[in-house]
Amino acid sequence: MLTVSVISPEAVLFEGQTDSVVAPAFDGQVGILTGHAPMVTLLGTGELRLGGAGKRFQVEGGFLQVVDDVVRVVTEHAKAM
């Protein structure tokens, strides 16, 4: 399982576990599963999907970091869908 945090300047929108993350990177979609290599990418605008948790957010800008099955999404603007 992945431990995920979705954070915007206004609030912490999600903290919990899920089996997958699909995020709008600046140059296309990026998918994250358990065991993903460490990475950091800039976010674009689009839909952030948290697989098993069933959560979706519209995000704009920010970054995504993956380290040891911990995913941090820090975005300039996010809205639950």
PDB file of N, CA and C in Angstrom:
ATOM      1  N   MET A   1       0.836  -1.198   0.000  1.00  0.00           N
ATOM      2  CA  MET A   1       0.000   0.000   0.000  1.00  0.00           C
ATOM      3  C   MET A   1       0.870   1.246   0.000  1.00  0.00           C
ATOM      4  N   LEU A   2       0.319   2.291  -0.572  1.00  0.00           N
ATOM      5  CA  LEU A   2       0.974   3.594  -0.580  1.00  0.00           C
ATOM      6  C   LEU A   2       0.356   4.468   0.506  1.00  0.00           C
ATOM      7  N   THR A   3       1.180   5.211   1.195  1.00  0.00           N
ATOM      8  CA  THR A   3       0.706   6.220   2.144  1.00  0.00           C
ATOM      9  C   THR A   3       0.725   7.549   1.404  1.00  0.00           C
ATOM     10  N   VAL A   4      -0.425   8.212   1.346  1.00  0.00           N
ATOM     11  CA  VAL A   4      -0.576   9.394   0.502  1.00  0.00           C
ATOM     12  C   VAL A   4      -1.036  10.593   1.317  1.00  0.00           C
ATOM     13  N   SER A   5      -0.446  11.761   1.008  1.00  0.00           N
ATOM     14  CA  SER A   5      -0.896  13.045   1.538  1.00  0.00           C
ATOM     15  C   SER A   5      -1.160  13.972   0.367  1.00  0.00           C
ATOM     16  N   VAL A   6      -2.310  14.636   0.395  1.00  0.00           N
ATOM     17  CA  VAL A   6      -2.638  15.659  -0.609  1.00  0.00           C
ATOM     18  C   VAL A   6      -2.825  16.958   0.153  1.00  0.00           C
ATOM     19  N   ILE A   7      -1.936  17.927  -0.136  1.00  0.00           N
ATOM     20  CA  ILE A   7      -1.878  19.150   0.647  1.00  0.00           C
ATOM     21  C   ILE A   7      -1.976  20.364  -0.279  1.00  0.00           C
ATOM     22  N   SER A   8      -2.847  21.303   0.091  1.00  0.00           N
ATOM     23  CA  SER A   8      -2.930  22.584  -0.610  1.00  0.00           C
ATOM     24  C   SER A   8      -2.697  23.684   0.421  1.00  0.00           C
ATOM     25  N   PRO A   9      -2.529  24.930  -0.013  1.00  0.00           N
ATOM     26  CA  PRO A   9      -2.322  26.001   0.958  1.00  0.00           C
ATOM     27  C   PRO A   9      -3.492  26.151   1.937  1.00  0.00           C
ATOM     28  N   GLU A  10      -4.693  25.758   1.498  1.00  0.00           N
ATOM     29  CA  GLU A  10      -5.877  25.926   2.335  1.00  0.00           C
ATOM     30  C   GLU A  10      -6.039  24.826   3.377  1.00  0.00           C
ATOM     31  N   ALA A  11      -5.634  23.576   3.026  1.00  0.00           N
ATOM     32  CA  ALA A  11      -5.936  22.462   3.922  1.00  0.00           C
ATOM     33  C   ALA A  11      -5.183  21.202   3.515  1.00  0.00           C
ATOM     34  N   VAL A  12      -5.154  20.239   4.437  1.00  0.00           N
ATOM     35  CA  VAL A  12      -4.734  18.878   4.112  1.00  0.00           C
ATOM     36  C   VAL A  12      -6.003  18.176   3.630  1.00  0.00           C
ATOM     37  N   LEU A  13      -6.042  17.830   2.350  1.00  0.00           N
ATOM     38  CA  LEU A  13      -7.265  17.287   1.752  1.00  0.00           C
ATOM     39  C   LEU A  13      -7.390  15.779   1.922  1.00  0.00           C
ATOM     40  N   PHE A  14      -6.262  15.091   2.048  1.00  0.00           N
ATOM     41  CA  PHE A  14      -6.307  13.638   2.216  1.00  0.00           C
ATOM     42  C   PHE A  14      -5.032  13.169   2.882  1.00  0.00           C
ATOM     43  N   GLU A  15      -5.183  12.277   3.845  1.00  0.00           N
ATOM     44  CA  GLU A  15      -4.062  11.544   4.429  1.00  0.00           C
ATOM     45  C   GLU A  15      -4.563  10.133   4.657  1.00  0.00           C
ATOM     46  N   GLY A  16      -3.906   9.180   4.018  1.00  0.00           N
ATOM     47  CA  GLY A  16      -4.355   7.807   4.176  1.00  0.00           C
ATOM     48  C   GLY A  16      -3.611   6.881   3.247  1.00  0.00           C
ATOM     49  N   GLN A  17      -4.193   5.702   3.023  1.00  0.00           N
ATOM     50  CA  GLN A  17      -3.540   4.702   2.195  1.00  0.00           C
ATOM     51  C   GLN A  17      -4.397   4.369   0.978  1.00  0.00           C
ATOM     52  N   THR A  18      -3.717   4.006  -0.094  1.00  0.00           N
ATOM     53  CA  THR A  18      -4.369   3.594  -1.325  1.00  0.00           C
ATOM     54  C   THR A  18      -3.429   2.659  -2.074  1.00  0.00           C
ATOM     55  N   ASP A  19      -3.947   2.007  -3.101  1.00  0.00           N
ATOM     56  CA  ASP A  19      -3.110   1.069  -3.847  1.00  0.00           C
ATOM     57  C   ASP A  19      -2.478   1.674  -5.092  1.00  0.00           C
ATOM     58  N   SER A  20      -2.972   2.843  -5.533  1.00  0.00           N
ATOM     59  CA  SER A  20      -2.391   3.486  -6.718  1.00  0.00           C
ATOM     60  C   SER A  20      -2.707   4.970  -6.732  1.00  0.00           C
ATOM     61  N   VAL A  21      -1.859   5.717  -7.445  1.00  0.00           N
ATOM     62  CA  VAL A  21      -2.055   7.155  -7.643  1.00  0.00           C
ATOM     63  C   VAL A  21      -1.818   7.442  -9.120  1.00  0.00           C
ATOM     64  N   VAL A  22      -2.729   8.192  -9.723  1.00  0.00           N
ATOM     65  CA  VAL A  22      -2.533   8.690 -11.085  1.00  0.00           C
ATOM     66  C   VAL A  22      -2.615  10.201 -10.994  1.00  0.00           C
ATOM     67  N   ALA A  23      -1.556  10.879 -11.453  1.00  0.00           N
ATOM     68  CA  ALA A  23      -1.467  12.333 -11.290  1.00  0.00           C
ATOM     69  C   ALA A  23      -1.131  13.007 -12.612  1.00  0.00           C
ATOM     70  N   PRO A  24      -1.584  14.262 -12.777  1.00  0.00           N
ATOM     71  CA  PRO A  24      -1.268  15.021 -13.986  1.00  0.00           C
ATOM     72  C   PRO A  24       0.088  15.717 -13.853  1.00  0.00           C
ATOM     73  N   ALA A  25       1.141  15.065 -14.297  1.00  0.00           N
ATOM     74  CA  ALA A  25       2.462  15.706 -14.295  1.00  0.00           C
ATOM     75  C   ALA A  25       2.463  16.817 -15.347  1.00  0.00           C
ATOM     76  N   PHE A  26       3.467  17.655 -15.328  1.00  0.00           N
ATOM     77  CA  PHE A  26       3.535  18.778 -16.262  1.00  0.00           C
ATOM     78  C   PHE A  26       3.614  18.323 -17.710  1.00  0.00           C
ATOM     79  N   ASP A  27       4.077  17.086 -17.956  1.00  0.00           N
ATOM     80  CA  ASP A  27       4.259  16.600 -19.328  1.00  0.00           C
ATOM     81  C   ASP A  27       3.427  15.363 -19.643  1.00  0.00           C
ATOM     82  N   GLY A  28       2.385  15.085 -18.844  1.00  0.00           N
ATOM     83  CA  GLY A  28       1.517  13.937 -19.074  1.00  0.00           C
ATOM     84  C   GLY A  28       1.175  13.232 -17.776  1.00  0.00           C
ATOM     85  N   GLN A  29       0.392  12.182 -17.870  1.00  0.00           N
ATOM     86  CA  GLN A  29      -0.033  11.439 -16.686  1.00  0.00           C
ATOM     87  C   GLN A  29       1.114  10.583 -16.137  1.00  0.00           C
ATOM     88  N   VAL A  30       1.158  10.455 -14.815  1.00  0.00           N
ATOM     89  CA  VAL A  30       2.132   9.580 -14.166  1.00  0.00           C
ATOM     90  C   VAL A  30       1.364   8.656 -13.222  1.00  0.00           C
ATOM     91  N   GLY A  31       1.702   7.375 -13.270  1.00  0.00           N
ATOM     92  CA  GLY A  31       1.069   6.395 -12.397  1.00  0.00           C
ATOM     93  C   GLY A  31       2.058   5.889 -11.367  1.00  0.00           C
ATOM     94  N   ILE A  32       1.592   5.745 -10.132  1.00  0.00           N
ATOM     95  CA  ILE A  32       2.438   5.300  -9.024  1.00  0.00           C
ATOM     96  C   ILE A  32       1.799   4.066  -8.403  1.00  0.00           C
ATOM     97  N   LEU A  33       2.583   3.000  -8.264  1.00  0.00           N
ATOM     98  CA  LEU A  33       2.164   1.790  -7.571  1.00  0.00           C
ATOM     99  C   LEU A  33       3.176   1.484  -6.471  1.00  0.00           C
ATOM    100  N   THR A  34       2.845   0.575  -5.583  1.00  0.00           N
ATOM    101  CA  THR A  34       3.751   0.161  -4.515  1.00  0.00           C
ATOM    102  C   THR A  34       5.098  -0.260  -5.114  1.00  0.00           C
ATOM    103  N   GLY A  35       6.183   0.164  -4.488  1.00  0.00           N
ATOM    104  CA  GLY A  35       7.525  -0.184  -4.953  1.00  0.00           C
ATOM    105  C   GLY A  35       8.087   0.750  -6.013  1.00  0.00           C
ATOM    106  N   HIS A  36       7.396   1.857  -6.292  1.00  0.00           N
ATOM    107  CA  HIS A  36       7.866   2.812  -7.306  1.00  0.00           C
ATOM    108  C   HIS A  36       9.213   3.404  -6.887  1.00  0.00           C
ATOM    109  N   ALA A  37      10.062   3.653  -7.865  1.00  0.00           N
ATOM    110  CA  ALA A  37      11.354   4.285  -7.599  1.00  0.00           C
ATOM    111  C   ALA A  37      11.147   5.698  -7.057  1.00  0.00           C
ATOM    112  N   PRO A  38      12.084   6.179  -6.232  1.00  0.00           N
ATOM    113  CA  PRO A  38      11.975   7.560  -5.746  1.00  0.00           C
ATOM    114  C   PRO A  38      11.945   8.537  -6.908  1.00  0.00           C
ATOM    115  N   MET A  39      11.096   9.563  -6.785  1.00  0.00           N
ATOM    116  CA  MET A  39      11.005  10.572  -7.839  1.00  0.00           C
ATOM    117  C   MET A  39      10.334  11.827  -7.321  1.00  0.00           C
ATOM    118  N   VAL A  40      10.556  12.909  -8.047  1.00  0.00           N
ATOM    119  CA  VAL A  40       9.859  14.177  -7.837  1.00  0.00           C
ATOM    120  C   VAL A  40       9.479  14.684  -9.207  1.00  0.00           C
ATOM    121  N   THR A  41       8.245  15.144  -9.359  1.00  0.00           N
ATOM    122  CA  THR A  41       7.824  15.728 -10.627  1.00  0.00           C
ATOM    123  C   THR A  41       6.948  16.945 -10.382  1.00  0.00           C
ATOM    124  N   LEU A  42       6.987  17.867 -11.303  1.00  0.00           N
ATOM    125  CA  LEU A  42       6.095  19.018 -11.252  1.00  0.00           C
ATOM    126  C   LEU A  42       4.715  18.594 -11.723  1.00  0.00           C
ATOM    127  N   LEU A  43       3.683  19.159 -11.098  1.00  0.00           N
ATOM    128  CA  LEU A  43       2.319  18.865 -11.494  1.00  0.00           C
ATOM    129  C   LEU A  43       1.820  19.901 -12.496  1.00  0.00           C
ATOM    130  N   GLY A  44       0.955  19.443 -13.376  1.00  0.00           N
ATOM    131  CA  GLY A  44       0.252  20.336 -14.287  1.00  0.00           C
ATOM    132  C   GLY A  44      -1.153  20.559 -13.754  1.00  0.00           C
ATOM    133  N   THR A  45      -2.105  20.663 -14.658  1.00  0.00           N
ATOM    134  CA  THR A  45      -3.508  20.827 -14.303  1.00  0.00           C
ATOM    135  C   THR A  45      -4.262  19.584 -14.752  1.00  0.00           C
ATOM    136  N   GLY A  46      -5.082  19.038 -13.874  1.00  0.00           N
ATOM    137  CA  GLY A  46      -5.859  17.867 -14.236  1.00  0.00           C
ATOM    138  C   GLY A  46      -6.367  17.120 -13.028  1.00  0.00           C
ATOM    139  N   GLU A  47      -6.761  15.865 -13.264  1.00  0.00           N
ATOM    140  CA  GLU A  47      -7.378  15.044 -12.235  1.00  0.00           C
ATOM    141  C   GLU A  47      -6.353  14.153 -11.541  1.00  0.00           C
ATOM    142  N   LEU A  48      -6.328  14.233 -10.215  1.00  0.00           N
ATOM    143  CA  LEU A  48      -5.515  13.360  -9.372  1.00  0.00           C
ATOM    144  C   LEU A  48      -6.440  12.257  -8.866  1.00  0.00           C
ATOM    145  N   ARG A  49      -6.089  10.995  -9.146  1.00  0.00           N
ATOM    146  CA  ARG A  49      -6.929   9.871  -8.747  1.00  0.00           C
ATOM    147  C   ARG A  49      -6.182   8.982  -7.757  1.00  0.00           C
ATOM    148  N   LEU A  50      -6.845   8.672  -6.651  1.00  0.00           N
ATOM    149  CA  LEU A  50      -6.294   7.778  -5.640  1.00  0.00           C
ATOM    150  C   LEU A  50      -7.082   6.483  -5.720  1.00  0.00           C
ATOM    151  N   GLY A  51      -6.484   5.473  -6.348  1.00  0.00           N
ATOM    152  CA  GLY A  51      -7.120   4.196  -6.672  1.00  0.00           C
ATOM    153  C   GLY A  51      -8.048   3.609  -5.643  1.00  0.00           C
ATOM    154  N   GLY A  52      -7.539   2.753  -4.762  1.00  0.00           N
ATOM    155  CA  GLY A  52      -8.359   2.038  -3.796  1.00  0.00           C
ATOM    156  C   GLY A  52      -9.103   2.935  -2.828  1.00  0.00           C
ATOM    157  N   ALA A  53      -8.623   4.138  -2.607  1.00  0.00           N
ATOM    158  CA  ALA A  53      -9.296   5.067  -1.696  1.00  0.00           C
ATOM    159  C   ALA A  53     -10.526   5.689  -2.349  1.00  0.00           C
ATOM    160  N   GLY A  54     -10.618   5.603  -3.676  1.00  0.00           N
ATOM    161  CA  GLY A  54     -11.778   6.144  -4.379  1.00  0.00           C
ATOM    162  C   GLY A  54     -11.893   7.655  -4.331  1.00  0.00           C
ATOM    163  N   LYS A  55     -10.808   8.356  -4.141  1.00  0.00           N
ATOM    164  CA  LYS A  55     -10.817   9.824  -4.060  1.00  0.00           C
ATOM    165  C   LYS A  55     -10.313  10.419  -5.365  1.00  0.00           C
ATOM    166  N   ARG A  56     -10.893  11.559  -5.739  1.00  0.00           N
ATOM    167  CA  ARG A  56     -10.449  12.293  -6.929  1.00  0.00           C
ATOM    168  C   ARG A  56     -10.400  13.777  -6.591  1.00  0.00           C
ATOM    169  N   PHE A  57      -9.381  14.447  -7.130  1.00  0.00           N
ATOM    170  CA  PHE A  57      -9.204  15.882  -6.914  1.00  0.00           C
ATOM    171  C   PHE A  57      -8.832  16.543  -8.231  1.00  0.00           C
ATOM    172  N   GLN A  58      -9.295  17.753  -8.423  1.00  0.00           N
ATOM    173  CA  GLN A  58      -8.836  18.586  -9.532  1.00  0.00           C
ATOM    174  C   GLN A  58      -7.677  19.409  -8.966  1.00  0.00           C
ATOM    175  N   VAL A  59      -6.492  19.277  -9.558  1.00  0.00           N
ATOM    176  CA  VAL A  59      -5.318  19.978  -9.041  1.00  0.00           C
ATOM    177  C   VAL A  59      -4.730  20.896 -10.107  1.00  0.00           C
ATOM    178  N   GLU A  60      -4.040  21.932  -9.636  1.00  0.00           N
ATOM    179  CA  GLU A  60      -3.367  22.881 -10.520  1.00  0.00           C
ATOM    180  C   GLU A  60      -2.006  23.222  -9.923  1.00  0.00           C
ATOM    181  N   GLY A  61      -0.941  22.793 -10.605  1.00  0.00           N
ATOM    182  CA  GLY A  61       0.416  23.142 -10.197  1.00  0.00           C
ATOM    183  C   GLY A  61       0.854  22.443  -8.925  1.00  0.00           C
ATOM    184  N   GLY A  62       2.116  22.648  -8.585  1.00  0.00           N
ATOM    185  CA  GLY A  62       2.702  22.046  -7.400  1.00  0.00           C
ATOM    186  C   GLY A  62       3.668  20.931  -7.780  1.00  0.00           C
ATOM    187  N   PHE A  63       3.848  19.965  -6.864  1.00  0.00           N
ATOM    188  CA  PHE A  63       4.748  18.863  -7.145  1.00  0.00           C
ATOM    189  C   PHE A  63       4.274  17.584  -6.469  1.00  0.00           C
ATOM    190  N   LEU A  64       4.809  16.468  -6.930  1.00  0.00           N
ATOM    191  CA  LEU A  64       4.543  15.148  -6.371  1.00  0.00           C
ATOM    192  C   LEU A  64       5.882  14.508  -6.049  1.00  0.00           C
ATOM    193  N   GLN A  65       5.986  13.925  -4.855  1.00  0.00           N
ATOM    194  CA  GLN A  65       7.212  13.253  -4.427  1.00  0.00           C
ATOM    195  C   GLN A  65       6.870  11.827  -4.015  1.00  0.00           C
ATOM    196  N   VAL A  66       7.707  10.870  -4.434  1.00  0.00           N
ATOM    197  CA  VAL A  66       7.559   9.464  -4.041  1.00  0.00           C
ATOM    198  C   VAL A  66       8.869   9.016  -3.402  1.00  0.00           C
ATOM    199  N   VAL A  67       8.793   8.499  -2.166  1.00  0.00           N
ATOM    200  CA  VAL A  67       9.949   7.926  -1.471  1.00  0.00           C
ATOM    201  C   VAL A  67       9.437   6.814  -0.564  1.00  0.00           C
ATOM    202  N   ASP A  68       9.946   5.596  -0.764  1.00  0.00           N
ATOM    203  CA  ASP A  68       9.609   4.452   0.106  1.00  0.00           C
ATOM    204  C   ASP A  68       8.103   4.262   0.294  1.00  0.00           C
ATOM    205  N   ASP A  69       7.352   4.237  -0.804  1.00  0.00           N
ATOM    206  CA  ASP A  69       5.899   4.034  -0.788  1.00  0.00           C
ATOM    207  C   ASP A  69       5.133   5.128  -0.054  1.00  0.00           C
ATOM    208  N   VAL A  70       5.751   6.289   0.084  1.00  0.00           N
ATOM    209  CA  VAL A  70       5.074   7.472   0.618  1.00  0.00           C
ATOM    210  C   VAL A  70       4.976   8.485  -0.518  1.00  0.00           C
ATOM    211  N   VAL A  71       3.747   8.905  -0.820  1.00  0.00           N
ATOM    212  CA  VAL A  71       3.503   9.853  -1.904  1.00  0.00           C
ATOM    213  C   VAL A  71       2.995  11.151  -1.291  1.00  0.00           C
ATOM    214  N   ARG A  72       3.682  12.244  -1.587  1.00  0.00           N
ATOM    215  CA  ARG A  72       3.252  13.565  -1.120  1.00  0.00           C
ATOM    216  C   ARG A  72       2.877  14.397  -2.340  1.00  0.00           C
ATOM    217  N   VAL A  73       1.676  14.897  -2.331  1.00  0.00           N
ATOM    218  CA  VAL A  73       1.206  15.782  -3.398  1.00  0.00           C
ATOM    219  C   VAL A  73       1.004  17.149  -2.748  1.00  0.00           C
ATOM    220  N   VAL A  74       1.802  18.116  -3.158  1.00  0.00           N
ATOM    221  CA  VAL A  74       1.683  19.489  -2.659  1.00  0.00           C
ATOM    222  C   VAL A  74       1.278  20.331  -3.855  1.00  0.00           C
ATOM    223  N   THR A  75       0.075  20.875  -3.809  1.00  0.00           N
ATOM    224  CA  THR A  75      -0.481  21.562  -4.960  1.00  0.00           C
ATOM    225  C   THR A  75      -0.868  22.989  -4.626  1.00  0.00           C
ATOM    226  N   GLU A  76      -0.809  23.845  -5.615  1.00  0.00           N
ATOM    227  CA  GLU A  76      -1.163  25.250  -5.442  1.00  0.00           C
ATOM    228  C   GLU A  76      -2.669  25.406  -5.241  1.00  0.00           C
ATOM    229  N   HIS A  77      -3.438  24.535  -5.907  1.00  0.00           N
ATOM    230  CA  HIS A  77      -4.896  24.587  -5.787  1.00  0.00           C
ATOM    231  C   HIS A  77      -5.458  23.194  -5.973  1.00  0.00           C
ATOM    232  N   ALA A  78      -6.375  22.774  -5.125  1.00  0.00           N
ATOM    233  CA  ALA A  78      -7.010  21.455  -5.264  1.00  0.00           C
ATOM    234  C   ALA A  78      -8.456  21.543  -4.809  1.00  0.00           C
ATOM    235  N   LYS A  79      -9.298  20.773  -5.519  1.00  0.00           N
ATOM    236  CA  LYS A  79     -10.710  20.723  -5.192  1.00  0.00           C
ATOM    237  C   LYS A  79     -11.163  19.274  -5.310  1.00  0.00           C
ATOM    238  N   ALA A  80     -11.849  18.777  -4.278  1.00  0.00           N
ATOM    239  CA  ALA A  80     -12.374  17.407  -4.316  1.00  0.00           C
ATOM    240  C   ALA A  80     -13.418  17.302  -5.409  1.00  0.00           C
ATOM    241  N   MET A  81     -13.436  16.148  -6.071  1.00  0.00           N
ATOM    242  CA  MET A  81     -14.427  15.926  -7.139  1.00  0.00           C
ATOM    243  C   MET A  81     -15.435  14.885  -6.696  1.00  0.00           C
TER     244      MET A  81
END
